[in-house]
Amino acid sequence: MTDKPKKHRFLTIEQVAEELNVKASLVRGLIKTGELRALQVGARGIWRVGRQDIEDYIADAYTRTAERSAAGELMDDVEPDSECPPTGAA
C-alpha cells in the first residue's frame, strides 16, 4: 500500500496560484475574465478550481503562445519578480 497524499479534485485560489507560480490576484483576474473556469461553493461563495480546469487553461495557454510565436508577436521580456541588474550596471 502506498502512502501518497490524496490530491483533491478542487483547489483554492491560493493553491492554484502556487501551482501556476503566480499571485492569487492574477488567478482571481483569470476567473473574472473567464479564462480560467471556476465555481463557487456554499453560502459564502468560496471559489474552487478543478484540477482538469487548470490543465485545460495550461493547454490553451501553450496553444495561444505557439500561435503568437508563429505570428511573430512575442517579445523577449523579463518577469516582474526576476532580479535584473540596474541599467548602466557594470
Protein backbone atom coordinates (compact mmCIF):
# COMPACT_ATOMS: atom_id res chain seq x y z
CA MET A 1 0.00 0.00 0.00
CA THR A 2 1.26 3.48 -0.88
CA ASP A 3 1.13 6.43 1.48
CA LYS A 4 0.77 9.06 -1.24
CA PRO A 5 -1.09 12.17 -0.16
CA LYS A 6 -4.53 12.37 -1.77
CA LYS A 7 -4.81 15.01 -4.48
CA HIS A 8 -8.00 16.97 -4.11
CA ARG A 9 -10.24 17.39 -7.13
CA PHE A 10 -10.74 21.10 -6.43
CA LEU A 11 -8.20 23.70 -5.35
CA THR A 12 -8.44 27.06 -3.63
CA ILE A 13 -7.35 30.22 -5.41
CA GLU A 14 -4.17 30.21 -3.33
CA GLN A 15 -3.39 26.61 -4.29
CA VAL A 16 -3.94 27.42 -7.98
CA ALA A 17 -1.65 30.44 -7.66
CA GLU A 18 1.04 28.23 -6.15
CA GLU A 19 0.57 25.61 -8.88
CA LEU A 20 0.94 28.25 -11.63
CA ASN A 21 3.63 30.17 -9.73
CA VAL A 22 1.68 33.43 -9.89
CA LYS A 23 -0.09 35.70 -7.42
CA ALA A 24 -3.61 34.93 -6.20
CA SER A 25 -4.79 38.26 -7.64
CA LEU A 26 -3.84 37.04 -11.14
CA VAL A 27 -5.84 33.83 -10.61
CA ARG A 28 -8.84 35.92 -9.49
CA GLY A 29 -8.46 38.01 -12.66
CA LEU A 30 -8.33 34.91 -14.85
CA ILE A 31 -11.52 33.66 -13.21
CA LYS A 32 -13.22 37.05 -13.59
CA THR A 33 -12.42 37.24 -17.33
CA GLY A 34 -13.50 33.64 -17.88
CA GLU A 35 -10.05 32.48 -18.98
CA LEU A 36 -9.92 30.05 -16.05
CA ARG A 37 -13.04 28.09 -15.25
CA ALA A 38 -14.06 28.02 -11.59
CA LEU A 39 -17.09 27.55 -9.40
CA GLN A 40 -18.41 28.99 -6.19
CA VAL A 41 -19.25 26.62 -3.36
CA GLY A 42 -21.52 27.10 -0.38
CA ALA A 43 -23.43 30.03 1.00
CA ARG A 44 -20.26 32.13 1.28
CA GLY A 45 -19.43 31.58 -2.40
CA ILE A 46 -15.91 30.27 -1.87
CA TRP A 47 -14.09 29.86 -5.19
CA ARG A 48 -12.73 26.48 -6.24
CA VAL A 49 -10.93 25.45 -9.43
CA GLY A 50 -10.95 21.90 -10.73
CA ARG A 51 -7.62 20.23 -11.44
CA GLN A 52 -8.75 19.50 -15.00
CA ASP A 53 -9.67 23.18 -15.46
CA ILE A 54 -6.09 24.12 -14.56
CA GLU A 55 -4.74 21.60 -17.07
CA ASP A 56 -7.14 22.94 -19.73
CA TYR A 57 -6.02 26.51 -19.02
CA ILE A 58 -2.36 25.49 -19.36
CA ALA A 59 -3.01 23.64 -22.63
CA ASP A 60 -4.86 26.68 -24.03
CA ALA A 61 -2.02 28.96 -22.91
CA TYR A 62 0.50 26.79 -24.76
CA THR A 63 -1.65 26.94 -27.89
CA ARG A 64 -2.06 30.74 -27.69
CA THR A 65 1.68 31.16 -27.11
CA ALA A 66 2.57 28.96 -30.09
CA GLU A 67 0.17 30.91 -32.33
CA ARG A 68 1.59 34.26 -31.19
CA SER A 69 5.13 32.99 -31.63
CA ALA A 70 4.39 31.79 -35.17
CA ALA A 71 2.89 35.19 -35.96
CA GLY A 72 5.99 36.96 -34.61
CA GLU A 73 4.01 38.69 -31.87
CA LEU A 74 6.11 37.60 -28.90
CA MET A 75 8.80 39.80 -27.44
CA ASP A 76 11.51 38.83 -25.01
CA ASP A 77 10.58 40.24 -21.65
CA VAL A 78 11.68 39.91 -18.08
CA GLU A 79 9.36 38.54 -15.44
CA PRO A 80 8.49 41.18 -12.84
CA ASP A 81 9.74 39.01 -9.99
CA SER A 82 13.11 38.24 -11.55
CA GLU A 83 16.21 40.05 -10.49
CA CYS A 84 17.67 42.39 -13.09
CA PRO A 85 20.79 44.49 -12.74
CA PRO A 86 20.01 48.22 -12.78
CA THR A 87 20.50 49.99 -16.09
CA GLY A 88 24.11 51.02 -16.53
CA ALA A 89 25.40 48.43 -14.05
CA ALA A 90 28.86 47.09 -14.71
